[in-house]
Amino acid sequence: MAGVSVETGMPIPEHLTGSKRLKALFFLVCLKLNLTVQHFLIALAIVIGVGGGLSSILFLEFLELTQEVFLRQARGWIGVVFLLPLIPAFGGLLSGWISVTYAPEARGAVCRRS
C-alpha cells in the first residue's frame, strides 16, 4: 500500500504504519468526498446505533437460548425439580472464580479496620 493516494495529489506518507496509515487514508477519502465534521458524526452515530441495536437483539436471543437450555431441557437432565437452583448457583461460582483468577482488580475496595 506504499504511496497510496486518493486522487487528491496528496500521497499517504511512507513512514505511517498500521492504524495511523488507515486514519490518514480515511481523512484523504473525507477530503476527496468533501465531507464535513457533521457528516462524519452523523455517519458515526448511525453505525453506533445500528451496532447497538443488533447487539441488543443478539443478546436477547442468547438469553432466550440459555433459558430454553437450562430451564426447560435441564429438567430432564437433573430429574428432580428442586435441584434447579443449583444451575444459577454453579454459574455464580464459576463467574466468581473467573473474576478472581483473571481480573483480581474487579474485587473492589477492601475495607480495613484500624
N, C-alpha and C. Protein backbone atom coordinates (compact mmCIF):
# COMPACT_ATOMS: atom_id res chain seq x y z
N MET A 1 0.81 -1.19 0.00
CA MET A 1 0.00 0.00 0.00
C MET A 1 0.85 1.25 0.00
N ALA A 2 2.11 1.10 -0.31
CA ALA A 2 3.01 2.24 -0.30
C ALA A 2 2.61 3.23 -1.38
N GLY A 3 2.57 4.49 -1.02
CA GLY A 3 2.29 5.55 -1.97
C GLY A 3 0.84 5.66 -2.39
N VAL A 4 -0.08 5.09 -1.63
CA VAL A 4 -1.50 5.14 -1.99
C VAL A 4 -1.99 6.57 -1.83
N SER A 5 -2.72 7.02 -2.83
CA SER A 5 -3.33 8.34 -2.73
C SER A 5 -4.76 8.24 -3.22
N VAL A 6 -5.52 9.24 -2.92
CA VAL A 6 -6.93 9.23 -3.27
C VAL A 6 -7.21 10.36 -4.27
N GLU A 7 -6.48 10.38 -5.34
CA GLU A 7 -6.65 11.33 -6.43
C GLU A 7 -6.74 12.77 -5.95
N THR A 8 -6.10 13.06 -4.86
CA THR A 8 -6.09 14.44 -4.39
C THR A 8 -4.73 15.06 -4.60
N GLY A 9 -3.80 14.25 -5.11
CA GLY A 9 -2.45 14.73 -5.27
C GLY A 9 -1.67 14.68 -3.97
N MET A 10 -2.30 14.15 -2.90
CA MET A 10 -1.63 14.07 -1.60
C MET A 10 -1.43 12.59 -1.25
N PRO A 11 -0.23 12.07 -1.47
CA PRO A 11 0.01 10.67 -1.12
C PRO A 11 0.10 10.47 0.38
N ILE A 12 -0.17 9.26 0.78
CA ILE A 12 -0.03 8.91 2.20
C ILE A 12 1.46 8.78 2.49
N PRO A 13 1.95 9.42 3.54
CA PRO A 13 3.37 9.34 3.86
C PRO A 13 3.82 7.89 4.08
N GLU A 14 5.04 7.59 3.63
CA GLU A 14 5.57 6.23 3.69
C GLU A 14 5.86 5.78 5.12
N HIS A 15 6.17 6.71 6.04
CA HIS A 15 6.56 6.32 7.40
C HIS A 15 5.38 5.90 8.27
N LEU A 16 4.16 6.16 7.82
CA LEU A 16 2.99 5.78 8.61
C LEU A 16 2.70 4.29 8.45
N THR A 17 2.37 3.64 9.58
CA THR A 17 2.05 2.22 9.53
C THR A 17 0.80 1.96 10.36
N GLY A 18 0.15 0.85 10.07
CA GLY A 18 -0.97 0.38 10.87
C GLY A 18 -2.14 1.33 10.92
N SER A 19 -2.58 1.63 12.14
CA SER A 19 -3.77 2.44 12.33
C SER A 19 -3.57 3.89 11.89
N LYS A 20 -2.34 4.38 11.99
CA LYS A 20 -2.09 5.76 11.54
C LYS A 20 -2.23 5.86 10.03
N ARG A 21 -1.80 4.82 9.32
CA ARG A 21 -1.95 4.80 7.87
C ARG A 21 -3.43 4.74 7.49
N LEU A 22 -4.20 3.92 8.20
CA LEU A 22 -5.63 3.81 7.95
C LEU A 22 -6.34 5.14 8.24
N LYS A 23 -5.92 5.80 9.32
CA LYS A 23 -6.51 7.10 9.67
C LYS A 23 -6.20 8.15 8.59
N ALA A 24 -4.97 8.15 8.08
CA ALA A 24 -4.60 9.09 7.03
C ALA A 24 -5.40 8.81 5.76
N LEU A 25 -5.59 7.53 5.43
CA LEU A 25 -6.38 7.17 4.26
C LEU A 25 -7.83 7.61 4.43
N PHE A 26 -8.36 7.44 5.65
CA PHE A 26 -9.74 7.88 5.94
C PHE A 26 -9.88 9.38 5.74
N PHE A 27 -8.93 10.15 6.25
CA PHE A 27 -9.01 11.61 6.10
C PHE A 27 -8.86 12.04 4.65
N LEU A 28 -8.06 11.31 3.88
CA LEU A 28 -7.95 11.63 2.46
C LEU A 28 -9.26 11.35 1.73
N VAL A 29 -9.94 10.26 2.09
CA VAL A 29 -11.23 9.96 1.49
C VAL A 29 -12.25 11.04 1.86
N CYS A 30 -12.22 11.49 3.11
CA CYS A 30 -13.13 12.57 3.54
C CYS A 30 -12.87 13.85 2.75
N LEU A 31 -11.60 14.15 2.51
CA LEU A 31 -11.27 15.33 1.71
C LEU A 31 -11.75 15.18 0.27
N LYS A 32 -11.57 13.98 -0.28
CA LYS A 32 -11.99 13.74 -1.65
C LYS A 32 -13.50 13.87 -1.80
N LEU A 33 -14.26 13.36 -0.82
CA LEU A 33 -15.71 13.41 -0.88
C LEU A 33 -16.28 14.73 -0.35
N ASN A 34 -15.42 15.63 0.12
CA ASN A 34 -15.81 16.94 0.63
C ASN A 34 -16.77 16.80 1.82
N LEU A 35 -16.44 15.90 2.75
CA LEU A 35 -17.25 15.67 3.94
C LEU A 35 -16.84 16.61 5.06
N THR A 36 -17.81 17.04 5.83
CA THR A 36 -17.53 17.90 6.98
C THR A 36 -17.54 17.06 8.25
N VAL A 37 -17.24 17.71 9.35
CA VAL A 37 -17.26 17.02 10.64
C VAL A 37 -18.67 16.56 10.98
N GLN A 38 -19.67 17.33 10.63
CA GLN A 38 -21.06 16.95 10.89
C GLN A 38 -21.43 15.68 10.13
N HIS A 39 -21.00 15.57 8.88
CA HIS A 39 -21.26 14.35 8.11
C HIS A 39 -20.63 13.15 8.79
N PHE A 40 -19.40 13.32 9.23
CA PHE A 40 -18.70 12.22 9.89
C PHE A 40 -19.42 11.82 11.18
N LEU A 41 -19.84 12.79 11.98
CA LEU A 41 -20.51 12.48 13.24
C LEU A 41 -21.87 11.81 13.01
N ILE A 42 -22.58 12.22 11.98
CA ILE A 42 -23.86 11.58 11.66
C ILE A 42 -23.63 10.14 11.23
N ALA A 43 -22.63 9.91 10.38
CA ALA A 43 -22.32 8.55 9.95
C ALA A 43 -21.88 7.69 11.13
N LEU A 44 -21.10 8.25 12.01
CA LEU A 44 -20.64 7.53 13.19
C LEU A 44 -21.82 7.20 14.10
N ALA A 45 -22.75 8.13 14.27
CA ALA A 45 -23.94 7.88 15.09
C ALA A 45 -24.80 6.77 14.49
N ILE A 46 -24.91 6.74 13.17
CA ILE A 46 -25.68 5.69 12.52
C ILE A 46 -25.03 4.33 12.73
N VAL A 47 -23.72 4.26 12.56
CA VAL A 47 -23.00 3.00 12.76
C VAL A 47 -23.13 2.52 14.20
N ILE A 48 -22.97 3.42 15.16
CA ILE A 48 -23.09 3.05 16.57
C ILE A 48 -24.52 2.62 16.90
N GLY A 49 -25.51 3.31 16.38
CA GLY A 49 -26.90 2.96 16.64
C GLY A 49 -27.27 1.60 16.07
N VAL A 50 -26.87 1.34 14.83
CA VAL A 50 -27.17 0.05 14.22
C VAL A 50 -26.42 -1.06 14.95
N GLY A 51 -25.16 -0.81 15.29
CA GLY A 51 -24.38 -1.82 16.03
C GLY A 51 -24.98 -2.10 17.39
N GLY A 52 -25.41 -1.07 18.09
CA GLY A 52 -26.03 -1.26 19.40
C GLY A 52 -27.35 -2.01 19.31
N GLY A 53 -28.15 -1.68 18.30
CA GLY A 53 -29.42 -2.37 18.11
C GLY A 53 -29.23 -3.85 17.78
N LEU A 54 -28.30 -4.13 16.88
CA LEU A 54 -28.03 -5.53 16.52
C LEU A 54 -27.46 -6.32 17.69
N SER A 55 -26.59 -5.69 18.46
CA SER A 55 -26.02 -6.41 19.61
C SER A 55 -27.08 -6.65 20.68
N SER A 56 -28.04 -5.74 20.85
CA SER A 56 -29.10 -5.98 21.84
C SER A 56 -30.02 -7.10 21.39
N ILE A 57 -30.30 -7.18 20.09
CA ILE A 57 -31.10 -8.30 19.57
C ILE A 57 -30.37 -9.62 19.77
N LEU A 58 -29.08 -9.63 19.48
CA LEU A 58 -28.27 -10.83 19.67
C LEU A 58 -28.23 -11.24 21.13
N PHE A 59 -28.12 -10.27 22.03
CA PHE A 59 -28.10 -10.55 23.47
C PHE A 59 -29.43 -11.16 23.92
N LEU A 60 -30.55 -10.61 23.47
CA LEU A 60 -31.86 -11.16 23.84
C LEU A 60 -32.05 -12.57 23.30
N GLU A 61 -31.61 -12.81 22.08
CA GLU A 61 -31.71 -14.16 21.52
C GLU A 61 -30.86 -15.15 22.31
N PHE A 62 -29.68 -14.71 22.73
CA PHE A 62 -28.82 -15.57 23.54
C PHE A 62 -29.45 -15.86 24.90
N LEU A 63 -30.09 -14.87 25.49
CA LEU A 63 -30.78 -15.09 26.77
C LEU A 63 -31.91 -16.10 26.62
N GLU A 64 -32.68 -15.98 25.55
CA GLU A 64 -33.76 -16.94 25.32
C GLU A 64 -33.22 -18.35 25.09
N LEU A 65 -32.10 -18.46 24.39
CA LEU A 65 -31.50 -19.76 24.15
C LEU A 65 -31.02 -20.39 25.46
N THR A 66 -30.35 -19.61 26.30
CA THR A 66 -29.88 -20.17 27.57
C THR A 66 -31.04 -20.51 28.49
N GLN A 67 -32.10 -19.72 28.45
CA GLN A 67 -33.27 -20.04 29.25
C GLN A 67 -33.89 -21.35 28.78
N GLU A 68 -33.96 -21.53 27.48
CA GLU A 68 -34.52 -22.77 26.93
C GLU A 68 -33.67 -23.97 27.34
N VAL A 69 -32.37 -23.83 27.22
CA VAL A 69 -31.49 -24.96 27.51
C VAL A 69 -31.45 -25.28 29.00
N PHE A 70 -31.25 -24.26 29.83
CA PHE A 70 -31.01 -24.53 31.24
C PHE A 70 -32.27 -24.65 32.09
N LEU A 71 -33.37 -24.10 31.65
CA LEU A 71 -34.57 -24.19 32.48
C LEU A 71 -35.58 -25.21 31.97
N ARG A 72 -35.62 -25.42 30.67
CA ARG A 72 -36.61 -26.36 30.16
C ARG A 72 -36.00 -27.74 29.89
N GLN A 73 -34.84 -27.76 29.26
CA GLN A 73 -34.22 -29.04 28.95
C GLN A 73 -33.44 -29.62 30.13
N ALA A 74 -33.02 -28.77 31.05
CA ALA A 74 -32.24 -29.25 32.19
C ALA A 74 -33.10 -30.06 33.15
N ARG A 75 -34.39 -29.89 33.11
CA ARG A 75 -35.26 -30.68 33.99
C ARG A 75 -35.12 -32.17 33.68
N GLY A 76 -34.94 -32.49 32.43
CA GLY A 76 -34.74 -33.88 32.06
C GLY A 76 -33.36 -34.38 32.46
N TRP A 77 -32.38 -33.48 32.49
CA TRP A 77 -31.02 -33.89 32.87
C TRP A 77 -30.92 -34.11 34.36
N ILE A 78 -31.51 -33.21 35.14
CA ILE A 78 -31.38 -33.28 36.60
C ILE A 78 -32.33 -34.32 37.17
N GLY A 79 -33.55 -34.33 36.70
CA GLY A 79 -34.51 -35.31 37.17
C GLY A 79 -35.37 -34.80 38.31
N VAL A 80 -34.81 -34.03 39.20
CA VAL A 80 -35.56 -33.54 40.36
C VAL A 80 -35.67 -32.02 40.22
N VAL A 81 -36.89 -31.51 40.28
CA VAL A 81 -37.14 -30.09 40.03
C VAL A 81 -36.51 -29.20 41.09
N PHE A 82 -36.46 -29.63 42.35
CA PHE A 82 -35.95 -28.74 43.40
C PHE A 82 -34.43 -28.59 43.32
N LEU A 83 -33.75 -29.33 42.45
CA LEU A 83 -32.31 -29.15 42.26
C LEU A 83 -32.00 -28.08 41.20
N LEU A 84 -33.03 -27.52 40.55
CA LEU A 84 -32.81 -26.49 39.53
C LEU A 84 -32.08 -25.26 40.05
N PRO A 85 -32.26 -24.81 41.29
CA PRO A 85 -31.48 -23.65 41.75
C PRO A 85 -29.98 -23.89 41.78
N LEU A 86 -29.54 -25.12 41.67
CA LEU A 86 -28.10 -25.39 41.61
C LEU A 86 -27.47 -24.87 40.32
N ILE A 87 -28.26 -24.75 39.27
CA ILE A 87 -27.71 -24.27 37.99
C ILE A 87 -27.24 -22.82 38.11
N PRO A 88 -28.06 -21.85 38.55
CA PRO A 88 -27.53 -20.49 38.70
C PRO A 88 -26.49 -20.38 39.80
N ALA A 89 -26.59 -21.22 40.82
CA ALA A 89 -25.56 -21.19 41.87
C ALA A 89 -24.22 -21.61 41.29
N PHE A 90 -24.22 -22.64 40.48
CA PHE A 90 -22.98 -23.07 39.83
C PHE A 90 -22.47 -21.97 38.89
N GLY A 91 -23.37 -21.30 38.17
CA GLY A 91 -22.96 -20.19 37.30
C GLY A 91 -22.34 -19.05 38.09
N GLY A 92 -22.91 -18.74 39.25
CA GLY A 92 -22.33 -17.70 40.10
C GLY A 92 -20.96 -18.06 40.61
N LEU A 93 -20.79 -19.31 41.03
CA LEU A 93 -19.47 -19.76 41.48
C LEU A 93 -18.45 -19.72 40.35
N LEU A 94 -18.87 -20.13 39.16
CA LEU A 94 -17.97 -20.11 38.01
C LEU A 94 -17.56 -18.69 37.64
N SER A 95 -18.52 -17.76 37.62
CA SER A 95 -18.18 -16.38 37.28
C SER A 95 -17.32 -15.74 38.37
N GLY A 96 -17.56 -16.09 39.63
CA GLY A 96 -16.70 -15.58 40.70
C GLY A 96 -15.28 -16.09 40.58
N TRP A 97 -15.13 -17.37 40.24
CA TRP A 97 -13.79 -17.93 40.06
C TRP A 97 -13.07 -17.26 38.90
N ILE A 98 -13.79 -17.02 37.79
CA ILE A 98 -13.19 -16.36 36.63
C ILE A 98 -12.76 -14.94 37.00
N SER A 99 -13.59 -14.22 37.77
CA SER A 99 -13.26 -12.85 38.17
C SER A 99 -12.02 -12.81 39.06
N VAL A 100 -11.96 -13.72 40.02
CA VAL A 100 -10.82 -13.73 40.94
C VAL A 100 -9.55 -14.15 40.22
N THR A 101 -9.67 -15.11 39.31
CA THR A 101 -8.50 -15.63 38.63
C THR A 101 -7.96 -14.68 37.58
N TYR A 102 -8.83 -14.14 36.73
CA TYR A 102 -8.38 -13.36 35.58
C TYR A 102 -8.54 -11.86 35.73
N ALA A 103 -9.30 -11.39 36.70
CA ALA A 103 -9.49 -9.96 36.89
C ALA A 103 -9.54 -9.64 38.39
N PRO A 104 -8.41 -9.77 39.08
CA PRO A 104 -8.44 -9.51 40.53
C PRO A 104 -8.78 -8.07 40.87
N GLU A 105 -8.59 -7.14 39.94
CA GLU A 105 -8.93 -5.74 40.21
C GLU A 105 -10.43 -5.54 40.28
N ALA A 106 -11.22 -6.51 39.81
CA ALA A 106 -12.68 -6.40 39.86
C ALA A 106 -13.23 -6.69 41.24
N ARG A 107 -12.37 -7.06 42.16
CA ARG A 107 -12.82 -7.38 43.53
C ARG A 107 -13.43 -6.18 44.21
N GLY A 108 -12.92 -5.01 43.94
CA GLY A 108 -13.45 -3.81 44.57
C GLY A 108 -12.55 -3.34 45.70
N ALA A 109 -13.03 -2.34 46.42
CA ALA A 109 -12.26 -1.79 47.52
C ALA A 109 -12.26 -2.74 48.70
N VAL A 110 -11.14 -2.81 49.37
CA VAL A 110 -11.01 -3.64 50.54
C VAL A 110 -11.14 -2.76 51.76
N CYS A 111 -12.08 -3.08 52.63
CA CYS A 111 -12.29 -2.31 53.85
C CYS A 111 -11.33 -2.81 54.92
N ARG A 112 -10.59 -1.91 55.49
CA ARG A 112 -9.63 -2.28 56.54
C ARG A 112 -10.02 -1.60 57.84
N ARG A 113 -9.93 -2.34 58.89
CA ARG A 113 -10.19 -1.76 60.21
C ARG A 113 -8.88 -1.37 60.84
N SER A 114 -8.90 -0.26 61.54
CA SER A 114 -7.66 0.17 62.19
C SER A 114 -7.69 -0.06 63.68
